[in-house]
N, C-alpha and C. Protein backbone atom coordinates (compact mmCIF):
# COMPACT_ATOMS: atom_id res chain seq x y z
N MET A 1 69.11 97.52 95.73
CA MET A 1 70.51 97.12 95.65
C MET A 1 71.42 98.30 95.97
N LYS A 2 71.09 99.45 95.44
CA LYS A 2 71.94 100.62 95.67
C LYS A 2 72.10 100.90 97.16
N GLN A 3 71.00 100.91 97.90
CA GLN A 3 71.08 101.21 99.33
C GLN A 3 71.86 100.13 100.08
N TYR A 4 71.70 98.89 99.67
CA TYR A 4 72.47 97.79 100.27
C TYR A 4 73.97 98.03 100.07
N LEU A 5 74.37 98.39 98.86
CA LEU A 5 75.78 98.64 98.58
C LEU A 5 76.31 99.82 99.40
N ILE A 6 75.50 100.86 99.52
CA ILE A 6 75.90 102.02 100.33
C ILE A 6 76.05 101.61 101.79
N ASP A 7 75.09 100.85 102.31
CA ASP A 7 75.15 100.41 103.71
C ASP A 7 76.39 99.55 103.95
N MET A 8 76.67 98.66 103.04
CA MET A 8 77.84 97.79 103.19
C MET A 8 79.14 98.59 103.08
N LEU A 9 79.17 99.57 102.19
CA LEU A 9 80.37 100.40 102.09
C LEU A 9 80.55 101.22 103.35
N ARG A 10 79.47 101.73 103.92
CA ARG A 10 79.60 102.50 105.17
C ARG A 10 80.15 101.61 106.30
N TYR A 11 79.72 100.37 106.35
CA TYR A 11 80.31 99.44 107.32
C TYR A 11 81.81 99.28 107.05
N ASN A 12 82.16 99.08 105.79
CA ASN A 12 83.55 98.89 105.41
C ASN A 12 84.39 100.12 105.78
N ILE A 13 83.86 101.30 105.55
CA ILE A 13 84.56 102.54 105.90
C ILE A 13 84.79 102.59 107.41
N TRP A 14 83.78 102.20 108.16
CA TRP A 14 83.90 102.18 109.63
C TRP A 14 85.02 101.20 110.05
N ALA A 15 85.00 99.99 109.48
CA ALA A 15 86.03 98.99 109.82
C ALA A 15 87.41 99.48 109.41
N ASN A 16 87.50 100.06 108.23
CA ASN A 16 88.79 100.59 107.77
C ASN A 16 89.28 101.71 108.68
N SER A 17 88.36 102.53 109.19
CA SER A 17 88.77 103.63 110.07
C SER A 17 89.40 103.08 111.35
N ARG A 18 88.91 101.95 111.81
CA ARG A 18 89.49 101.32 113.00
C ARG A 18 90.89 100.80 112.69
N TYR A 19 91.09 100.28 111.50
CA TYR A 19 92.43 99.84 111.09
C TYR A 19 93.36 101.05 110.91
N ARG A 20 92.83 102.12 110.33
CA ARG A 20 93.66 103.32 110.16
C ARG A 20 94.12 103.86 111.51
N GLU A 21 93.22 103.87 112.47
CA GLU A 21 93.59 104.33 113.81
C GLU A 21 94.67 103.42 114.41
N TYR A 22 94.51 102.13 114.23
CA TYR A 22 95.49 101.16 114.72
C TYR A 22 96.86 101.43 114.08
N PHE A 23 96.89 101.52 112.76
CA PHE A 23 98.17 101.69 112.06
C PHE A 23 98.80 103.05 112.31
N SER A 24 98.02 104.02 112.69
CA SER A 24 98.60 105.34 113.00
C SER A 24 99.50 105.28 114.23
N LYS A 25 99.33 104.23 115.03
CA LYS A 25 100.12 104.07 116.26
C LYS A 25 101.32 103.13 116.07
N ILE A 26 101.46 102.58 114.88
CA ILE A 26 102.57 101.67 114.56
C ILE A 26 103.65 102.49 113.85
N LYS A 27 104.90 102.23 114.17
CA LYS A 27 105.99 102.91 113.46
C LYS A 27 105.91 102.56 111.98
N PHE A 28 106.03 103.58 111.13
CA PHE A 28 105.90 103.39 109.69
C PHE A 28 106.85 102.31 109.18
N GLU A 29 108.07 102.30 109.67
CA GLU A 29 109.04 101.30 109.19
C GLU A 29 108.61 99.87 109.52
N ASN A 30 107.79 99.70 110.57
CA ASN A 30 107.30 98.36 110.90
C ASN A 30 106.29 97.84 109.88
N LEU A 31 105.73 98.76 109.09
CA LEU A 31 104.80 98.33 108.03
C LEU A 31 105.54 97.61 106.91
N MET A 32 106.86 97.71 106.91
CA MET A 32 107.67 97.03 105.90
C MET A 32 108.00 95.58 106.30
N THR A 33 107.43 95.13 107.41
CA THR A 33 107.59 93.73 107.83
C THR A 33 107.03 92.83 106.74
N LYS A 34 107.82 91.83 106.35
CA LYS A 34 107.40 90.93 105.28
C LYS A 34 106.43 89.87 105.81
N THR A 35 105.48 89.53 104.95
CA THR A 35 104.52 88.46 105.21
C THR A 35 104.49 87.57 103.97
N PRO A 36 103.78 86.46 104.00
CA PRO A 36 103.67 85.64 102.79
C PRO A 36 102.99 86.37 101.62
N TYR A 37 102.31 87.51 101.91
CA TYR A 37 101.58 88.26 100.89
C TYR A 37 102.21 89.61 100.59
N GLY A 38 103.47 89.77 100.87
CA GLY A 38 104.14 91.07 100.71
C GLY A 38 104.27 91.71 102.09
N THR A 39 104.62 92.96 102.12
CA THR A 39 104.74 93.66 103.40
C THR A 39 103.37 94.10 103.89
N PHE A 40 103.30 94.49 105.16
CA PHE A 40 102.05 95.05 105.67
C PHE A 40 101.69 96.31 104.87
N TYR A 41 102.69 97.08 104.52
CA TYR A 41 102.48 98.27 103.68
C TYR A 41 101.74 97.87 102.40
N ASP A 42 102.24 96.84 101.71
CA ASP A 42 101.61 96.38 100.47
C ASP A 42 100.16 95.95 100.71
N MET A 43 99.96 95.23 101.79
CA MET A 43 98.62 94.72 102.08
C MET A 43 97.65 95.84 102.41
N ILE A 44 98.13 96.85 103.12
CA ILE A 44 97.27 98.00 103.46
C ILE A 44 96.86 98.72 102.19
N ILE A 45 97.81 98.98 101.32
CA ILE A 45 97.50 99.66 100.06
C ILE A 45 96.49 98.85 99.25
N HIS A 46 96.62 97.53 99.31
CA HIS A 46 95.71 96.66 98.56
C HIS A 46 94.28 96.68 99.13
N LEU A 47 94.10 97.16 100.34
CA LEU A 47 92.75 97.26 100.91
C LEU A 47 91.90 98.29 100.17
N TYR A 48 92.52 99.35 99.67
CA TYR A 48 91.73 100.42 99.06
C TYR A 48 92.12 100.79 97.63
N LYS A 49 93.32 100.50 97.23
CA LYS A 49 93.80 100.91 95.90
C LYS A 49 92.92 100.37 94.77
N PRO A 50 92.43 99.14 94.85
CA PRO A 50 91.60 98.63 93.75
C PRO A 50 90.29 99.39 93.53
N TYR A 51 89.84 100.17 94.52
CA TYR A 51 88.59 100.93 94.33
C TYR A 51 88.62 101.73 93.03
N LEU A 52 89.65 102.54 92.85
CA LEU A 52 89.68 103.40 91.68
C LEU A 52 90.00 102.63 90.41
N MET A 53 90.75 101.56 90.52
CA MET A 53 91.01 100.72 89.35
C MET A 53 89.69 100.16 88.81
N TRP A 54 88.87 99.62 89.73
CA TRP A 54 87.57 99.08 89.31
C TRP A 54 86.63 100.18 88.83
N LEU A 55 86.60 101.31 89.53
CA LEU A 55 85.73 102.40 89.09
C LEU A 55 86.14 102.90 87.72
N ASN A 56 87.42 102.91 87.43
CA ASN A 56 87.90 103.32 86.11
C ASN A 56 87.40 102.37 85.03
N ARG A 57 87.27 101.11 85.35
CA ARG A 57 86.73 100.15 84.38
C ARG A 57 85.26 100.44 84.09
N ILE A 58 84.56 100.95 85.09
CA ILE A 58 83.14 101.27 84.95
C ILE A 58 82.97 102.64 84.29
N ASP A 59 83.79 103.59 84.71
CA ASP A 59 83.69 104.98 84.25
C ASP A 59 85.10 105.51 83.99
N LYS A 60 85.45 105.62 82.73
CA LYS A 60 86.82 106.01 82.34
C LYS A 60 87.21 107.41 82.83
N SER A 61 86.25 108.22 83.23
CA SER A 61 86.60 109.57 83.71
C SER A 61 87.21 109.52 85.12
N ILE A 62 87.07 108.38 85.80
CA ILE A 62 87.65 108.23 87.13
C ILE A 62 89.08 107.72 86.96
N LYS A 63 90.04 108.51 87.36
CA LYS A 63 91.46 108.19 87.16
C LYS A 63 92.07 107.62 88.43
N PHE A 64 93.12 106.85 88.25
CA PHE A 64 93.86 106.31 89.38
C PHE A 64 95.34 106.23 89.02
N LYS A 65 96.17 106.29 90.05
CA LYS A 65 97.62 106.17 89.87
C LYS A 65 98.02 104.75 90.24
N GLU A 66 98.67 104.06 89.31
CA GLU A 66 99.02 102.66 89.57
C GLU A 66 100.17 102.49 90.53
N ASP A 67 101.21 103.27 90.38
CA ASP A 67 102.45 103.02 91.13
C ASP A 67 102.80 104.16 92.08
N GLN A 68 101.86 104.55 92.89
CA GLN A 68 102.11 105.62 93.84
C GLN A 68 102.85 105.07 95.07
N ILE A 69 103.90 105.78 95.49
CA ILE A 69 104.67 105.40 96.67
C ILE A 69 104.31 106.38 97.79
N TYR A 70 104.09 105.85 98.97
CA TYR A 70 103.73 106.67 100.12
C TYR A 70 104.92 106.74 101.07
N GLU A 71 105.24 107.94 101.49
CA GLU A 71 106.44 108.18 102.31
C GLU A 71 106.18 108.06 103.81
N ASN A 72 104.91 108.13 104.21
CA ASN A 72 104.59 108.10 105.64
C ASN A 72 103.14 107.66 105.82
N TRP A 73 102.78 107.44 107.08
CA TRP A 73 101.43 106.98 107.37
C TRP A 73 100.37 108.01 106.97
N ASP A 74 100.64 109.28 107.20
CA ASP A 74 99.65 110.32 106.89
C ASP A 74 99.28 110.32 105.41
N SER A 75 100.25 110.08 104.54
CA SER A 75 99.95 110.06 103.10
C SER A 75 99.09 108.85 102.73
N ILE A 76 99.34 107.71 103.36
CA ILE A 76 98.49 106.53 103.13
C ILE A 76 97.08 106.82 103.64
N ASN A 77 96.99 107.31 104.85
CA ASN A 77 95.70 107.60 105.47
C ASN A 77 94.87 108.54 104.60
N LYS A 78 95.50 109.60 104.13
CA LYS A 78 94.79 110.59 103.29
C LYS A 78 94.30 109.94 102.00
N SER A 79 95.16 109.17 101.36
CA SER A 79 94.80 108.50 100.10
C SER A 79 93.66 107.50 100.32
N TRP A 80 93.73 106.74 101.39
CA TRP A 80 92.71 105.74 101.71
C TRP A 80 91.35 106.41 101.88
N ILE A 81 91.29 107.46 102.65
CA ILE A 81 90.03 108.19 102.87
C ILE A 81 89.51 108.77 101.56
N GLU A 82 90.42 109.31 100.76
CA GLU A 82 90.05 109.87 99.46
C GLU A 82 89.40 108.81 98.57
N HIS A 83 90.01 107.63 98.51
CA HIS A 83 89.47 106.54 97.70
C HIS A 83 88.07 106.13 98.19
N GLU A 84 87.92 106.03 99.50
CA GLU A 84 86.60 105.67 100.05
C GLU A 84 85.55 106.72 99.71
N ASN A 85 85.91 107.98 99.82
CA ASN A 85 84.96 109.05 99.51
C ASN A 85 84.56 109.06 98.04
N ILE A 86 85.50 108.76 97.16
CA ILE A 86 85.19 108.69 95.73
C ILE A 86 84.21 107.55 95.47
N LEU A 87 84.45 106.40 96.09
CA LEU A 87 83.55 105.26 95.91
C LEU A 87 82.17 105.56 96.49
N LEU A 88 82.13 106.12 97.69
CA LEU A 88 80.83 106.44 98.30
C LEU A 88 80.07 107.45 97.44
N ASP A 89 80.74 108.47 96.97
CA ASP A 89 80.09 109.46 96.11
C ASP A 89 79.57 108.81 94.83
N PHE A 90 80.35 107.90 94.26
CA PHE A 90 79.95 107.18 93.06
C PHE A 90 78.65 106.41 93.32
N LEU A 91 78.57 105.73 94.44
CA LEU A 91 77.36 104.97 94.77
C LEU A 91 76.17 105.89 95.00
N GLU A 92 76.39 106.96 95.71
CA GLU A 92 75.28 107.85 96.07
C GLU A 92 74.76 108.66 94.89
N THR A 93 75.59 108.95 93.91
CA THR A 93 75.16 109.82 92.81
C THR A 93 74.59 109.07 91.61
N ASN A 94 74.80 107.77 91.54
CA ASN A 94 74.21 107.01 90.44
C ASN A 94 72.85 106.45 90.84
N GLU A 95 71.99 106.34 89.84
CA GLU A 95 70.64 105.84 90.10
C GLU A 95 70.62 104.31 90.20
N GLU A 96 69.60 103.81 90.84
CA GLU A 96 69.45 102.37 91.07
C GLU A 96 69.66 101.55 89.79
N LYS A 97 69.04 101.97 88.70
CA LYS A 97 69.12 101.19 87.45
C LYS A 97 70.54 101.14 86.89
N PHE A 98 71.37 102.10 87.23
CA PHE A 98 72.75 102.12 86.76
C PHE A 98 73.49 100.85 87.19
N PHE A 99 73.23 100.38 88.40
CA PHE A 99 73.95 99.24 88.96
C PHE A 99 73.56 97.91 88.31
N GLU A 100 72.46 97.93 87.56
CA GLU A 100 72.03 96.73 86.83
C GLU A 100 72.71 96.62 85.47
N LYS A 101 73.36 97.67 85.03
CA LYS A 101 74.04 97.65 83.73
C LYS A 101 75.19 96.66 83.74
N THR A 102 75.52 96.21 82.55
CA THR A 102 76.64 95.30 82.35
C THR A 102 77.75 96.03 81.63
N ILE A 103 78.98 95.77 82.05
CA ILE A 103 80.13 96.36 81.36
C ILE A 103 81.08 95.26 80.92
N GLU A 104 81.93 95.61 79.97
CA GLU A 104 83.02 94.72 79.56
C GLU A 104 84.32 95.35 80.02
N TYR A 105 85.24 94.51 80.45
CA TYR A 105 86.58 94.99 80.81
C TYR A 105 87.58 93.88 80.52
N THR A 106 88.82 94.28 80.47
CA THR A 106 89.91 93.34 80.21
C THR A 106 90.76 93.19 81.46
N PHE A 107 91.08 91.95 81.79
CA PHE A 107 91.96 91.65 82.91
C PHE A 107 92.88 90.52 82.48
N SER A 108 94.18 90.72 82.62
CA SER A 108 95.18 89.72 82.19
C SER A 108 94.94 89.27 80.75
N ASN A 109 94.68 90.26 79.89
CA ASN A 109 94.48 90.02 78.46
C ASN A 109 93.26 89.16 78.14
N LYS A 110 92.32 89.10 79.05
CA LYS A 110 91.10 88.34 78.83
C LYS A 110 89.91 89.28 79.04
N LYS A 111 88.90 89.17 78.20
CA LYS A 111 87.72 90.03 78.30
C LYS A 111 86.67 89.38 79.22
N TYR A 112 86.06 90.23 80.03
CA TYR A 112 85.01 89.79 80.95
C TYR A 112 83.80 90.71 80.80
N THR A 113 82.64 90.16 81.12
CA THR A 113 81.40 90.93 81.15
C THR A 113 80.78 90.72 82.53
N ARG A 114 80.49 91.82 83.23
CA ARG A 114 79.94 91.74 84.59
C ARG A 114 78.93 92.86 84.80
N LYS A 115 77.96 92.58 85.66
CA LYS A 115 77.04 93.64 86.10
C LYS A 115 77.79 94.56 87.06
N ILE A 116 77.49 95.83 86.97
CA ILE A 116 78.15 96.82 87.82
C ILE A 116 77.90 96.49 89.30
N LYS A 117 76.70 96.08 89.64
CA LYS A 117 76.40 95.77 91.05
C LYS A 117 77.30 94.65 91.57
N ASN A 118 77.64 93.68 90.73
CA ASN A 118 78.51 92.59 91.16
C ASN A 118 79.95 93.05 91.33
N ILE A 119 80.38 93.96 90.47
CA ILE A 119 81.72 94.53 90.61
C ILE A 119 81.81 95.34 91.90
N ILE A 120 80.80 96.17 92.16
CA ILE A 120 80.79 96.98 93.38
C ILE A 120 80.75 96.08 94.61
N ASN A 121 79.95 95.04 94.56
CA ASN A 121 79.89 94.11 95.69
C ASN A 121 81.27 93.50 95.94
N HIS A 122 81.97 93.11 94.89
CA HIS A 122 83.33 92.59 95.05
C HIS A 122 84.23 93.64 95.71
N MET A 123 84.11 94.89 95.28
CA MET A 123 84.95 95.95 95.82
C MET A 123 84.73 96.12 97.33
N ILE A 124 83.54 95.82 97.79
CA ILE A 124 83.21 95.98 99.20
C ILE A 124 83.64 94.74 100.00
N VAL A 125 83.47 93.56 99.45
CA VAL A 125 83.81 92.32 100.16
C VAL A 125 85.33 92.08 100.17
N HIS A 126 86.00 92.46 99.11
CA HIS A 126 87.44 92.23 98.96
C HIS A 126 88.26 92.71 100.17
N PRO A 127 88.07 93.93 100.65
CA PRO A 127 88.87 94.37 101.81
C PRO A 127 88.55 93.61 103.10
N ILE A 128 87.34 93.09 103.23
CA ILE A 128 86.98 92.33 104.43
C ILE A 128 87.89 91.11 104.54
N HIS A 129 88.07 90.42 103.43
CA HIS A 129 88.95 89.25 103.38
C HIS A 129 90.37 89.65 103.77
N HIS A 130 90.86 90.74 103.20
CA HIS A 130 92.25 91.13 103.45
C HIS A 130 92.46 91.70 104.85
N ARG A 131 91.46 92.33 105.42
CA ARG A 131 91.61 92.77 106.82
C ARG A 131 91.80 91.57 107.72
N GLY A 132 91.10 90.48 107.43
CA GLY A 132 91.28 89.26 108.21
C GLY A 132 92.69 88.70 108.06
N GLN A 133 93.21 88.70 106.85
CA GLN A 133 94.59 88.25 106.63
C GLN A 133 95.57 89.12 107.42
N ILE A 134 95.38 90.44 107.32
CA ILE A 134 96.29 91.37 108.01
C ILE A 134 96.24 91.14 109.51
N SER A 135 95.03 91.00 110.04
CA SER A 135 94.87 90.79 111.48
C SER A 135 95.62 89.55 111.94
N SER A 136 95.46 88.47 111.21
CA SER A 136 96.12 87.22 111.56
C SER A 136 97.65 87.35 111.47
N LEU A 137 98.12 87.98 110.41
CA LEU A 137 99.57 88.13 110.22
C LEU A 137 100.19 89.09 111.23
N LEU A 138 99.44 90.09 111.64
CA LEU A 138 99.95 90.99 112.68
C LEU A 138 100.20 90.21 113.97
N ARG A 139 99.23 89.40 114.37
CA ARG A 139 99.38 88.59 115.59
C ARG A 139 100.55 87.62 115.46
N LYS A 140 100.66 87.00 114.29
CA LYS A 140 101.75 86.05 114.05
C LYS A 140 103.11 86.73 114.15
N ASN A 141 103.16 88.02 113.84
CA ASN A 141 104.40 88.79 113.90
C ASN A 141 104.52 89.60 115.20
N ASN A 142 103.75 89.21 116.21
CA ASN A 142 103.83 89.80 117.56
C ASN A 142 103.45 91.27 117.65
N PHE A 143 102.57 91.72 116.76
CA PHE A 143 101.99 93.05 116.90
C PHE A 143 100.78 92.95 117.82
N PRO A 144 100.37 94.05 118.41
CA PRO A 144 99.14 94.02 119.22
C PRO A 144 97.92 93.67 118.35
N ALA A 145 96.89 93.17 118.98
CA ALA A 145 95.66 92.82 118.26
C ALA A 145 95.01 94.08 117.68
N VAL A 146 94.42 93.93 116.50
CA VAL A 146 93.68 95.03 115.90
C VAL A 146 92.30 95.12 116.55
N PRO A 147 91.65 96.26 116.44
CA PRO A 147 90.31 96.38 117.04
C PRO A 147 89.30 95.45 116.35
N GLN A 148 88.25 95.17 117.05
CA GLN A 148 87.16 94.34 116.55
C GLN A 148 86.46 95.07 115.41
N THR A 149 86.26 94.38 114.28
CA THR A 149 85.58 95.00 113.14
C THR A 149 84.40 94.17 112.63
N ASP A 150 83.95 93.20 113.41
CA ASP A 150 82.77 92.45 112.99
C ASP A 150 81.60 93.41 112.84
N MET A 151 80.73 93.09 111.89
CA MET A 151 79.61 93.97 111.59
C MET A 151 78.71 94.22 112.80
N VAL A 152 78.56 93.23 113.66
CA VAL A 152 77.71 93.43 114.84
C VAL A 152 78.23 94.58 115.71
N PHE A 153 79.55 94.76 115.75
CA PHE A 153 80.13 95.86 116.52
C PHE A 153 79.91 97.20 115.82
N TYR A 154 79.84 97.17 114.51
CA TYR A 154 79.49 98.37 113.74
C TYR A 154 78.09 98.83 114.14
N PHE A 155 77.15 97.89 114.17
CA PHE A 155 75.78 98.26 114.52
C PHE A 155 75.71 98.79 115.95
N LEU A 156 76.48 98.22 116.86
CA LEU A 156 76.51 98.72 118.23
C LEU A 156 77.16 100.11 118.28
N ASP A 157 78.22 100.28 117.51
CA ASP A 157 78.97 101.53 117.53
C ASP A 157 78.16 102.69 116.97
N ILE A 158 77.34 102.42 115.96
CA ILE A 158 76.54 103.49 115.39
C ILE A 158 75.15 103.56 116.02
N ASN A 159 74.95 102.77 117.08
CA ASN A 159 73.70 102.79 117.86
C ASN A 159 72.46 102.53 117.02
N VAL A 160 72.52 101.48 116.24
CA VAL A 160 71.38 101.09 115.43
C VAL A 160 70.69 99.94 116.15
N ASP A 161 69.41 100.14 116.46
CA ASP A 161 68.65 99.06 117.11
C ASP A 161 68.25 98.01 116.09
N LYS A 162 67.82 98.47 114.96
CA LYS A 162 67.38 97.54 113.91
C LYS A 162 67.78 98.16 112.59
N ILE A 163 68.44 97.36 111.78
CA ILE A 163 68.85 97.86 110.46
C ILE A 163 68.46 96.81 109.42
N THR A 164 67.94 97.27 108.32
CA THR A 164 67.59 96.40 107.23
C THR A 164 68.50 96.73 106.06
N LEU A 165 69.28 95.77 105.63
CA LEU A 165 70.20 95.99 104.52
C LEU A 165 69.54 95.52 103.23
N THR A 166 68.54 96.27 102.78
CA THR A 166 67.87 95.93 101.51
C THR A 166 67.84 97.13 100.60
């Protein structure tokens, strides 16, 4: 399971890097364009900000800032990469059996119990859903198309002939 999570996160990091490159070419003020889900700025932050929130629920020593405001694209880009590196390091440094543990956390004043592996899996799948939303809303708002981020293109890009995600 651990290696699967690492492989999926590496794919996600690759896809996010393509989005970061795309957004680096968009005027920062255009990220304030409103969508049904907030601004593009809000949606971009939501792609990676939950990483540390969830990791904090698993390990209280991992801190996160809830209400950080970014003044420019470079500050978002730096923060996004930082969050990804913290998550990747977390996955790589914990042992396989760690991911089978169950934790309790509170969300909206309700207590939940989940396996760490399921929380991590959610953290990896969550941005995939939102990248799709962003891509669709960008086109609807007459922005250029974002680069292709389907997993098959990841495998082609990293020149993998055969990969086993187990």
